[in-house]
Full PDB file with SEQRES, HELIX, SHEET, SSBOND, CRYST1, ORIGX, SCALE, CONECT and MASTER records, all heavy atoms in Angstrom:
SEQRES   1 A   37  TRP SER PRO GLY GLY PHE THR ASP ILE ALA ALA SER LEU          
SEQRES   2 A   37  VAL THR GLU ASN GLY ARG ASN VAL MET ALA GLU ALA TYR          
SEQRES   3 A   37  ALA PHE ARG THR ALA ARG GLU GLY ALA SER PHE                  
HELIX    1 AA1 PHE A    6  ALA A   11  1                                   6    
HELIX    2 AA2 GLU A   16  ALA A   25  1                                  10    
CRYST1    1.000    1.000    1.000  90.00  90.00  90.00 P 1           1          
ORIGX1      1.000000  0.000000  0.000000        0.00000                         
ORIGX2      0.000000  1.000000  0.000000        0.00000                         
ORIGX3      0.000000  0.000000  1.000000        0.00000                         
SCALE1      1.000000  0.000000  0.000000        0.00000                         
SCALE2      0.000000  1.000000  0.000000        0.00000                         
SCALE3      0.000000  0.000000  1.000000        0.00000                         
ATOM      1  N   TRP A   1      95.555-146.318 -64.883  1.00  0.00           N  
ATOM      2  CA  TRP A   1      96.342-145.167 -64.537  1.00  0.00           C  
ATOM      3  C   TRP A   1      95.343-144.127 -63.978  1.00  0.00           C  
ATOM      4  O   TRP A   1      94.201-143.966 -64.545  1.00  0.00           O  
ATOM      5  CB  TRP A   1      96.944-144.598 -65.883  1.00  0.00           C  
ATOM      6  CG  TRP A   1      98.130-145.427 -66.241  1.00  0.00           C  
ATOM      7  CD1 TRP A   1      98.165-146.580 -66.838  1.00  0.00           C  
ATOM      8  CD2 TRP A   1      99.574-145.067 -66.164  1.00  0.00           C  
ATOM      9  NE1 TRP A   1      99.528-147.087 -67.157  1.00  0.00           N  
ATOM     10  CE2 TRP A   1     100.320-146.074 -66.631  1.00  0.00           C  
ATOM     11  CE3 TRP A   1     100.225-143.856 -65.616  1.00  0.00           C  
ATOM     12  CZ2 TRP A   1     101.772-145.999 -66.677  1.00  0.00           C  
ATOM     13  CZ3 TRP A   1     101.560-143.849 -65.586  1.00  0.00           C  
ATOM     14  CH2 TRP A   1     102.319-144.902 -66.159  1.00  0.00           C  
ATOM     15  N   SER A   2      95.762-143.380 -63.085  1.00  0.00           N  
ATOM     16  CA  SER A   2      94.942-142.438 -62.357  1.00  0.00           C  
ATOM     17  C   SER A   2      95.800-141.315 -61.734  1.00  0.00           C  
ATOM     18  O   SER A   2      97.059-141.537 -61.461  1.00  0.00           O  
ATOM     19  CB  SER A   2      94.068-143.066 -61.388  1.00  0.00           C  
ATOM     20  OG  SER A   2      94.753-143.633 -60.381  1.00  0.00           O  
ATOM     21  N   PRO A   3      95.183-140.234 -61.348  1.00  0.00           N  
ATOM     22  CA  PRO A   3      95.987-139.246 -60.569  1.00  0.00           C  
ATOM     23  C   PRO A   3      96.444-139.695 -59.177  1.00  0.00           C  
ATOM     24  O   PRO A   3      95.728-140.661 -58.676  1.00  0.00           O  
ATOM     25  CB  PRO A   3      95.064-138.029 -60.393  1.00  0.00           C  
ATOM     26  CG  PRO A   3      94.035-138.192 -61.538  1.00  0.00           C  
ATOM     27  CD  PRO A   3      93.887-139.626 -61.623  1.00  0.00           C  
ATOM     28  N   GLY A   4      97.365-139.080 -58.607  1.00  0.00           N  
ATOM     29  CA  GLY A   4      97.765-139.573 -57.265  1.00  0.00           C  
ATOM     30  C   GLY A   4      96.629-139.414 -56.304  1.00  0.00           C  
ATOM     31  O   GLY A   4      95.825-138.509 -56.279  1.00  0.00           O  
ATOM     32  N   GLY A   5      96.593-140.301 -55.350  1.00  0.00           N  
ATOM     33  CA  GLY A   5      95.476-140.402 -54.337  1.00  0.00           C  
ATOM     34  C   GLY A   5      94.210-141.209 -54.712  1.00  0.00           C  
ATOM     35  O   GLY A   5      93.471-141.516 -53.907  1.00  0.00           O  
ATOM     36  N   PHE A   6      94.139-141.567 -55.980  1.00  0.00           N  
ATOM     37  CA  PHE A   6      92.986-142.202 -56.384  1.00  0.00           C  
ATOM     38  C   PHE A   6      92.776-143.606 -55.815  1.00  0.00           C  
ATOM     39  O   PHE A   6      91.734-144.072 -55.398  1.00  0.00           O  
ATOM     40  CB  PHE A   6      92.781-142.305 -57.989  1.00  0.00           C  
ATOM     41  CG  PHE A   6      91.678-143.039 -58.485  1.00  0.00           C  
ATOM     42  CD1 PHE A   6      90.293-142.607 -58.393  1.00  0.00           C  
ATOM     43  CD2 PHE A   6      91.821-144.423 -58.923  1.00  0.00           C  
ATOM     44  CE1 PHE A   6      89.357-143.444 -58.756  1.00  0.00           C  
ATOM     45  CE2 PHE A   6      90.847-145.218 -59.316  1.00  0.00           C  
ATOM     46  CZ  PHE A   6      89.472-144.678 -59.243  1.00  0.00           C  
ATOM     47  N   THR A   7      93.932-144.317 -55.681  1.00  0.00           N  
ATOM     48  CA  THR A   7      93.820-145.717 -55.231  1.00  0.00           C  
ATOM     49  C   THR A   7      93.454-145.760 -53.861  1.00  0.00           C  
ATOM     50  O   THR A   7      92.616-146.775 -53.473  1.00  0.00           O  
ATOM     51  CB  THR A   7      95.236-146.412 -55.342  1.00  0.00           C  
ATOM     52  OG1 THR A   7      96.179-145.588 -54.585  1.00  0.00           O  
ATOM     53  CG2 THR A   7      95.659-146.556 -56.772  1.00  0.00           C  
ATOM     54  N   ASP A   8      93.639-144.714 -52.976  1.00  0.00           N  
ATOM     55  CA  ASP A   8      93.004-144.828 -51.589  1.00  0.00           C  
ATOM     56  C   ASP A   8      91.547-144.494 -51.697  1.00  0.00           C  
ATOM     57  O   ASP A   8      90.812-145.212 -50.867  1.00  0.00           O  
ATOM     58  CB  ASP A   8      93.637-143.626 -50.892  1.00  0.00           C  
ATOM     59  CG  ASP A   8      95.098-143.789 -50.598  1.00  0.00           C  
ATOM     60  OD1 ASP A   8      95.622-144.908 -50.504  1.00  0.00           O  
ATOM     61  OD2 ASP A   8      95.795-142.751 -50.362  1.00  0.00           O  
ATOM     62  N   ILE A   9      91.022-143.773 -52.596  1.00  0.00           N  
ATOM     63  CA  ILE A   9      89.601-143.715 -52.751  1.00  0.00           C  
ATOM     64  C   ILE A   9      88.950-144.976 -53.258  1.00  0.00           C  
ATOM     65  O   ILE A   9      87.944-145.471 -52.642  1.00  0.00           O  
ATOM     66  CB  ILE A   9      89.309-142.554 -53.871  1.00  0.00           C  
ATOM     67  CG1 ILE A   9      89.812-141.118 -53.251  1.00  0.00           C  
ATOM     68  CG2 ILE A   9      87.784-142.545 -54.157  1.00  0.00           C  
ATOM     69  CD1 ILE A   9      89.740-140.082 -54.328  1.00  0.00           C  
ATOM     70  N   ALA A  10      89.601-145.638 -54.114  1.00  0.00           N  
ATOM     71  CA  ALA A  10      89.033-146.898 -54.795  1.00  0.00           C  
ATOM     72  C   ALA A  10      89.109-147.962 -53.534  1.00  0.00           C  
ATOM     73  O   ALA A  10      88.166-148.774 -53.448  1.00  0.00           O  
ATOM     74  CB  ALA A  10      89.927-147.323 -55.873  1.00  0.00           C  
ATOM     75  N   ALA A  11      90.182-147.991 -52.845  1.00  0.00           N  
ATOM     76  CA  ALA A  11      90.330-148.971 -51.756  1.00  0.00           C  
ATOM     77  C   ALA A  11      89.109-148.869 -50.699  1.00  0.00           C  
ATOM     78  O   ALA A  11      88.911-149.761 -50.036  1.00  0.00           O  
ATOM     79  CB  ALA A  11      91.702-148.862 -51.118  1.00  0.00           C  
ATOM     80  N   SER A  12      88.656-147.545 -50.497  1.00  0.00           N  
ATOM     81  CA  SER A  12      87.782-147.404 -49.352  1.00  0.00           C  
ATOM     82  C   SER A  12      86.427-148.013 -49.760  1.00  0.00           C  
ATOM     83  O   SER A  12      85.585-148.171 -48.921  1.00  0.00           O  
ATOM     84  CB  SER A  12      87.535-145.773 -49.175  1.00  0.00           C  
ATOM     85  OG  SER A  12      86.910-145.319 -50.314  1.00  0.00           O  
ATOM     86  N   LEU A  13      86.078-148.468 -50.908  1.00  0.00           N  
ATOM     87  CA  LEU A  13      84.863-149.026 -51.361  1.00  0.00           C  
ATOM     88  C   LEU A  13      84.752-150.523 -51.186  1.00  0.00           C  
ATOM     89  O   LEU A  13      83.731-151.093 -51.359  1.00  0.00           O  
ATOM     90  CB  LEU A  13      84.695-148.784 -52.865  1.00  0.00           C  
ATOM     91  CG  LEU A  13      84.693-147.282 -53.233  1.00  0.00           C  
ATOM     92  CD1 LEU A  13      84.508-147.085 -54.730  1.00  0.00           C  
ATOM     93  CD2 LEU A  13      83.485-146.490 -52.523  1.00  0.00           C  
ATOM     94  N   VAL A  14      85.869-151.166 -50.747  1.00  0.00           N  
ATOM     95  CA  VAL A  14      85.862-152.678 -50.559  1.00  0.00           C  
ATOM     96  C   VAL A  14      86.492-152.957 -49.217  1.00  0.00           C  
ATOM     97  O   VAL A  14      86.957-152.203 -48.539  1.00  0.00           O  
ATOM     98  CB  VAL A  14      86.591-153.329 -51.738  1.00  0.00           C  
ATOM     99  CG1 VAL A  14      85.971-153.129 -53.054  1.00  0.00           C  
ATOM    100  CG2 VAL A  14      88.112-152.840 -51.755  1.00  0.00           C  
ATOM    101  N   THR A  15      86.407-154.287 -48.889  1.00  0.00           N  
ATOM    102  CA  THR A  15      86.929-154.641 -47.665  1.00  0.00           C  
ATOM    103  C   THR A  15      88.413-154.777 -47.749  1.00  0.00           C  
ATOM    104  O   THR A  15      89.028-154.662 -48.804  1.00  0.00           O  
ATOM    105  CB  THR A  15      86.391-156.078 -47.314  1.00  0.00           C  
ATOM    106  OG1 THR A  15      86.793-157.087 -48.325  1.00  0.00           O  
ATOM    107  CG2 THR A  15      84.824-156.039 -47.181  1.00  0.00           C  
ATOM    108  N   GLU A  16      89.056-155.064 -46.480  1.00  0.00           N  
ATOM    109  CA  GLU A  16      90.532-155.088 -46.568  1.00  0.00           C  
ATOM    110  C   GLU A  16      90.977-156.284 -47.513  1.00  0.00           C  
ATOM    111  O   GLU A  16      91.920-156.114 -48.263  1.00  0.00           O  
ATOM    112  CB  GLU A  16      90.994-155.399 -45.203  1.00  0.00           C  
ATOM    113  CG  GLU A  16      92.528-155.409 -45.115  1.00  0.00           C  
ATOM    114  CD  GLU A  16      93.102-155.403 -43.690  1.00  0.00           C  
ATOM    115  OE1 GLU A  16      92.283-155.313 -42.729  1.00  0.00           O  
ATOM    116  OE2 GLU A  16      94.294-155.648 -43.484  1.00  0.00           O  
ATOM    117  N   ASN A  17      90.361-157.384 -47.419  1.00  0.00           N  
ATOM    118  CA  ASN A  17      90.672-158.509 -48.401  1.00  0.00           C  
ATOM    119  C   ASN A  17      90.391-158.020 -49.761  1.00  0.00           C  
ATOM    120  O   ASN A  17      91.163-158.486 -50.753  1.00  0.00           O  
ATOM    121  CB  ASN A  17      89.868-159.651 -47.981  1.00  0.00           C  
ATOM    122  CG  ASN A  17      90.264-160.991 -48.964  1.00  0.00           C  
ATOM    123  OD1 ASN A  17      91.376-161.360 -48.892  1.00  0.00           O  
ATOM    124  ND2 ASN A  17      89.283-161.340 -49.641  1.00  0.00           N  
ATOM    125  N   GLY A  18      89.283-157.349 -49.959  1.00  0.00           N  
ATOM    126  CA  GLY A  18      88.912-156.924 -51.275  1.00  0.00           C  
ATOM    127  C   GLY A  18      90.050-156.004 -51.858  1.00  0.00           C  
ATOM    128  O   GLY A  18      90.345-156.023 -53.133  1.00  0.00           O  
ATOM    129  N   ARG A  19      90.684-155.141 -51.069  1.00  0.00           N  
ATOM    130  CA  ARG A  19      91.709-154.326 -51.444  1.00  0.00           C  
ATOM    131  C   ARG A  19      93.039-155.082 -51.985  1.00  0.00           C  
ATOM    132  O   ARG A  19      93.589-154.792 -53.045  1.00  0.00           O  
ATOM    133  CB  ARG A  19      92.249-153.372 -50.295  1.00  0.00           C  
ATOM    134  CG  ARG A  19      91.213-152.486 -49.953  1.00  0.00           C  
ATOM    135  CD  ARG A  19      91.518-151.791 -48.594  1.00  0.00           C  
ATOM    136  NE  ARG A  19      90.487-151.007 -47.929  1.00  0.00           N  
ATOM    137  CZ  ARG A  19      90.472-150.581 -46.750  1.00  0.00           C  
ATOM    138  NH1 ARG A  19      91.543-150.384 -46.116  1.00  0.00           N  
ATOM    139  NH2 ARG A  19      89.255-149.977 -46.226  1.00  0.00           N  
ATOM    140  N   ASN A  20      93.169-156.295 -51.295  1.00  0.00           N  
ATOM    141  CA  ASN A  20      94.278-157.030 -51.710  1.00  0.00           C  
ATOM    142  C   ASN A  20      94.078-157.701 -53.115  1.00  0.00           C  
ATOM    143  O   ASN A  20      94.926-157.704 -53.897  1.00  0.00           O  
ATOM    144  CB  ASN A  20      94.587-158.166 -50.752  1.00  0.00           C  
ATOM    145  CG  ASN A  20      95.020-157.642 -49.404  1.00  0.00           C  
ATOM    146  OD1 ASN A  20      95.619-156.522 -49.215  1.00  0.00           O  
ATOM    147  ND2 ASN A  20      94.857-158.281 -48.265  1.00  0.00           N  
ATOM    148  N   VAL A  21      92.912-158.207 -53.288  1.00  0.00           N  
ATOM    149  CA  VAL A  21      92.549-158.846 -54.597  1.00  0.00           C  
ATOM    150  C   VAL A  21      92.318-157.787 -55.747  1.00  0.00           C  
ATOM    151  O   VAL A  21      92.577-158.048 -56.852  1.00  0.00           O  
ATOM    152  CB  VAL A  21      91.423-159.903 -54.492  1.00  0.00           C  
ATOM    153  CG1 VAL A  21      91.740-160.986 -53.705  1.00  0.00           C  
ATOM    154  CG2 VAL A  21      90.073-159.268 -53.918  1.00  0.00           C  
ATOM    155  N   MET A  22      91.915-156.568 -55.277  1.00  0.00           N  
ATOM    156  CA  MET A  22      91.739-155.584 -56.390  1.00  0.00           C  
ATOM    157  C   MET A  22      93.109-155.200 -56.801  1.00  0.00           C  
ATOM    158  O   MET A  22      93.262-154.982 -58.074  1.00  0.00           O  
ATOM    159  CB  MET A  22      91.123-154.324 -55.728  1.00  0.00           C  
ATOM    160  CG  MET A  22      90.834-153.223 -56.844  1.00  0.00           C  
ATOM    161  SD  MET A  22      90.185-151.714 -56.064  1.00  0.00           S  
ATOM    162  CE  MET A  22      88.456-152.194 -55.718  1.00  0.00           C  
ATOM    163  N   ALA A  23      94.103-155.237 -55.957  1.00  0.00           N  
ATOM    164  CA  ALA A  23      95.495-155.050 -56.398  1.00  0.00           C  
ATOM    165  C   ALA A  23      96.039-156.101 -57.262  1.00  0.00           C  
ATOM    166  O   ALA A  23      97.052-155.860 -58.020  1.00  0.00           O  
ATOM    167  CB  ALA A  23      96.413-154.752 -55.174  1.00  0.00           C  
ATOM    168  N   GLU A  24      95.393-157.191 -57.208  1.00  0.00           N  
ATOM    169  CA  GLU A  24      95.830-158.236 -58.231  1.00  0.00           C  
ATOM    170  C   GLU A  24      95.066-158.091 -59.513  1.00  0.00           C  
ATOM    171  O   GLU A  24      95.579-158.257 -60.574  1.00  0.00           O  
ATOM    172  CB  GLU A  24      95.421-159.579 -57.622  1.00  0.00           C  
ATOM    173  CG  GLU A  24      96.112-159.994 -56.414  1.00  0.00           C  
ATOM    174  CD  GLU A  24      95.701-161.372 -55.813  1.00  0.00           C  
ATOM    175  OE1 GLU A  24      94.975-162.102 -56.570  1.00  0.00           O  
ATOM    176  OE2 GLU A  24      96.056-161.620 -54.578  1.00  0.00           O  
ATOM    177  N   ALA A  25      93.912-157.693 -59.466  1.00  0.00           N  
ATOM    178  CA  ALA A  25      93.067-157.415 -60.763  1.00  0.00           C  
ATOM    179  C   ALA A  25      93.553-156.291 -61.575  1.00  0.00           C  
ATOM    180  O   ALA A  25      93.677-156.402 -62.844  1.00  0.00           O  
ATOM    181  CB  ALA A  25      91.547-157.224 -60.339  1.00  0.00           C  
ATOM    182  N   TYR A  26      94.071-155.301 -60.846  1.00  0.00           N  
ATOM    183  CA  TYR A  26      94.494-153.975 -61.461  1.00  0.00           C  
ATOM    184  C   TYR A  26      95.864-153.788 -61.169  1.00  0.00           C  
ATOM    185  O   TYR A  26      96.357-154.101 -60.025  1.00  0.00           O  
ATOM    186  CB  TYR A  26      93.719-152.857 -61.003  1.00  0.00           C  
ATOM    187  CG  TYR A  26      92.285-152.801 -61.300  1.00  0.00           C  
ATOM    188  CD1 TYR A  26      91.153-152.661 -60.424  1.00  0.00           C  
ATOM    189  CD2 TYR A  26      91.823-152.704 -62.681  1.00  0.00           C  
ATOM    190  CE1 TYR A  26      89.913-152.655 -60.749  1.00  0.00           C  
ATOM    191  CE2 TYR A  26      90.545-152.710 -63.001  1.00  0.00           C  
ATOM    192  CZ  TYR A  26      89.607-152.652 -61.951  1.00  0.00           C  
ATOM    193  OH  TYR A  26      88.277-152.556 -62.403  1.00  0.00           O  
ATOM    194  N   ALA A  27      96.726-153.392 -62.103  1.00  0.00           N  
ATOM    195  CA  ALA A  27      98.008-152.831 -61.907  1.00  0.00           C  
ATOM    196  C   ALA A  27      98.012-151.339 -61.873  1.00  0.00           C  
ATOM    197  O   ALA A  27      97.901-150.566 -62.920  1.00  0.00           O  
ATOM    198  CB  ALA A  27      98.964-153.268 -63.054  1.00  0.00           C  
ATOM    199  N   PHE A  28      97.747-150.851 -60.567  1.00  0.00           N  
ATOM    200  CA  PHE A  28      97.552-149.430 -60.370  1.00  0.00           C  
ATOM    201  C   PHE A  28      98.848-148.668 -60.821  1.00  0.00           C  
ATOM    202  O   PHE A  28      99.851-148.953 -60.203  1.00  0.00           O  
ATOM    203  CB  PHE A  28      97.082-149.027 -59.036  1.00  0.00           C  
ATOM    204  CG  PHE A  28      95.664-149.482 -58.605  1.00  0.00           C  
ATOM    205  CD1 PHE A  28      95.481-150.711 -57.829  1.00  0.00           C  
ATOM    206  CD2 PHE A  28      94.691-148.938 -59.107  1.00  0.00           C  
ATOM    207  CE1 PHE A  28      94.261-151.072 -57.628  1.00  0.00           C  
ATOM    208  CE2 PHE A  28      93.333-149.230 -58.907  1.00  0.00           C  
ATOM    209  CZ  PHE A  28      93.152-150.471 -58.121  1.00  0.00           C  
ATOM    210  N   ARG A  29      98.669-147.611 -61.606  1.00  0.00           N  
ATOM    211  CA  ARG A  29      99.761-146.695 -61.951  1.00  0.00           C  
ATOM    212  C   ARG A  29      99.339-145.216 -61.713  1.00  0.00           C  
ATOM    213  O   ARG A  29      98.181-144.839 -61.829  1.00  0.00           O  
ATOM    214  CB  ARG A  29     100.200-146.848 -63.382  1.00  0.00           C  
ATOM    215  CG  ARG A  29     100.629-148.330 -63.739  1.00  0.00           C  
ATOM    216  CD  ARG A  29     101.966-148.647 -63.144  1.00  0.00           C  
ATOM    217  NE  ARG A  29     102.482-149.923 -63.618  1.00  0.00           N  
ATOM    218  CZ  ARG A  29     102.225-151.066 -62.779  1.00  0.00           C  
ATOM    219  NH1 ARG A  29     101.613-150.972 -61.729  1.00  0.00           N  
ATOM    220  NH2 ARG A  29     102.731-152.220 -63.313  1.00  0.00           N  
ATOM    221  N   THR A  30     100.344-144.442 -61.275  1.00  0.00           N  
ATOM    222  CA  THR A  30     100.042-142.970 -60.955  1.00  0.00           C  
ATOM    223  C   THR A  30     100.506-142.094 -62.115  1.00  0.00           C  
ATOM    224  O   THR A  30     101.682-142.010 -62.472  1.00  0.00           O  
ATOM    225  CB  THR A  30     100.721-142.558 -59.666  1.00  0.00           C  
ATOM    226  OG1 THR A  30     100.328-143.369 -58.482  1.00  0.00           O  
ATOM    227  CG2 THR A  30     100.515-141.015 -59.363  1.00  0.00           C  
ATOM    228  N   ALA A  31      99.376-141.402 -62.692  1.00  0.00           N  
ATOM    229  CA  ALA A  31      99.745-140.493 -63.726  1.00  0.00           C  
ATOM    230  C   ALA A  31     100.329-139.118 -63.121  1.00  0.00           C  
ATOM    231  O   ALA A  31      99.852-138.759 -61.938  1.00  0.00           O  
ATOM    232  CB  ALA A  31      98.600-140.118 -64.557  1.00  0.00           C  
ATOM    233  N   ARG A  32     101.179-138.465 -63.769  1.00  0.00           N  
ATOM    234  CA  ARG A  32     101.705-137.239 -63.336  1.00  0.00           C  
ATOM    235  C   ARG A  32     101.677-136.126 -64.406  1.00  0.00           C  
ATOM    236  O   ARG A  32     101.894-136.451 -65.519  1.00  0.00           O  
ATOM    237  CB  ARG A  32     103.144-137.311 -62.729  1.00  0.00           C  
ATOM    238  CG  ARG A  32     103.312-138.263 -61.458  1.00  0.00           C  
ATOM    239  CD  ARG A  32     104.654-138.409 -61.043  1.00  0.00           C  
ATOM    240  NE  ARG A  32     104.694-139.149 -59.718  1.00  0.00           N  
ATOM    241  CZ  ARG A  32     104.577-140.346 -59.618  1.00  0.00           C  
ATOM    242  NH1 ARG A  32     104.427-141.063 -60.678  1.00  0.00           N  
ATOM    243  NH2 ARG A  32     104.524-141.047 -58.365  1.00  0.00           N  
ATOM    244  N   GLU A  33     101.308-134.877 -64.019  1.00  0.00           N  
ATOM    245  CA  GLU A  33     101.224-133.908 -64.932  1.00  0.00           C  
ATOM    246  C   GLU A  33     102.379-133.760 -65.896  1.00  0.00           C  
ATOM    247  O   GLU A  33     103.514-133.638 -65.336  1.00  0.00           O  
ATOM    248  CB  GLU A  33     100.936-132.480 -64.258  1.00  0.00           C  
ATOM    249  CG  GLU A  33     100.714-131.331 -65.263  1.00  0.00           C  
ATOM    250  CD  GLU A  33     100.516-129.937 -64.541  1.00  0.00           C  
ATOM    251  OE1 GLU A  33     100.820-129.922 -63.405  1.00  0.00           O  
ATOM    252  OE2 GLU A  33     100.028-129.149 -65.232  1.00  0.00           O  
ATOM    253  N   GLY A  34     102.125-133.675 -67.149  1.00  0.00           N  
ATOM    254  CA  GLY A  34     103.169-133.527 -68.163  1.00  0.00           C  
ATOM    255  C   GLY A  34     104.120-134.627 -68.379  1.00  0.00           C  
ATOM    256  O   GLY A  34     105.047-134.637 -69.296  1.00  0.00           O  
ATOM    257  N   ALA A  35     103.987-135.751 -67.647  1.00  0.00           N  
ATOM    258  CA  ALA A  35     104.801-136.941 -67.771  1.00  0.00           C  
ATOM    259  C   ALA A  35     104.086-137.908 -68.734  1.00  0.00           C  
ATOM    260  O   ALA A  35     103.135-138.679 -68.296  1.00  0.00           O  
ATOM    261  CB  ALA A  35     105.011-137.539 -66.518  1.00  0.00           C  
ATOM    262  N   SER A  36     104.455-137.937 -70.034  1.00  0.00           N  
ATOM    263  CA  SER A  36     103.769-138.804 -70.986  1.00  0.00           C  
ATOM    264  C   SER A  36     104.079-140.263 -70.631  1.00  0.00           C  
ATOM    265  O   SER A  36     105.070-140.607 -70.228  1.00  0.00           O  
ATOM    266  CB  SER A  36     104.256-138.397 -72.454  1.00  0.00           C  
ATOM    267  OG  SER A  36     103.803-137.219 -72.793  1.00  0.00           O  
ATOM    268  N   PHE A  37     103.171-141.149 -71.100  1.00  0.00           N  
ATOM    269  CA  PHE A  37     103.374-142.664 -71.016  1.00  0.00           C  
ATOM    270  C   PHE A  37     102.705-143.275 -72.220  1.00  0.00           C  
ATOM    271  O   PHE A  37     101.892-142.635 -72.826  1.00  0.00           O  
ATOM    272  CB  PHE A  37     102.891-143.129 -69.609  1.00  0.00           C  
ATOM    273  CG  PHE A  37     101.509-142.809 -69.271  1.00  0.00           C  
ATOM    274  CD1 PHE A  37     100.458-143.768 -69.556  1.00  0.00           C  
ATOM    275  CD2 PHE A  37     101.126-141.686 -68.678  1.00  0.00           C  
ATOM    276  CE1 PHE A  37      99.180-143.452 -69.222  1.00  0.00           C  
ATOM    277  CE2 PHE A  37      99.856-141.437 -68.485  1.00  0.00           C  
ATOM    278  CZ  PHE A  37      98.833-142.383 -68.571  1.00  0.00           C  
TER     279      PHE A  37                                                      
MASTER        0    0    0    2    0    0    0    6  278    1    0    3          
END                                                                             
């Protein structure tokens, strides 16, 4: 879980193929202010 926009930052650190497999390793979720989970 991270704030909006973080996944784009993380994806910029790896190759295009790396982005695909990173999305398999992590289930990215967007946190929002005041929205408890």
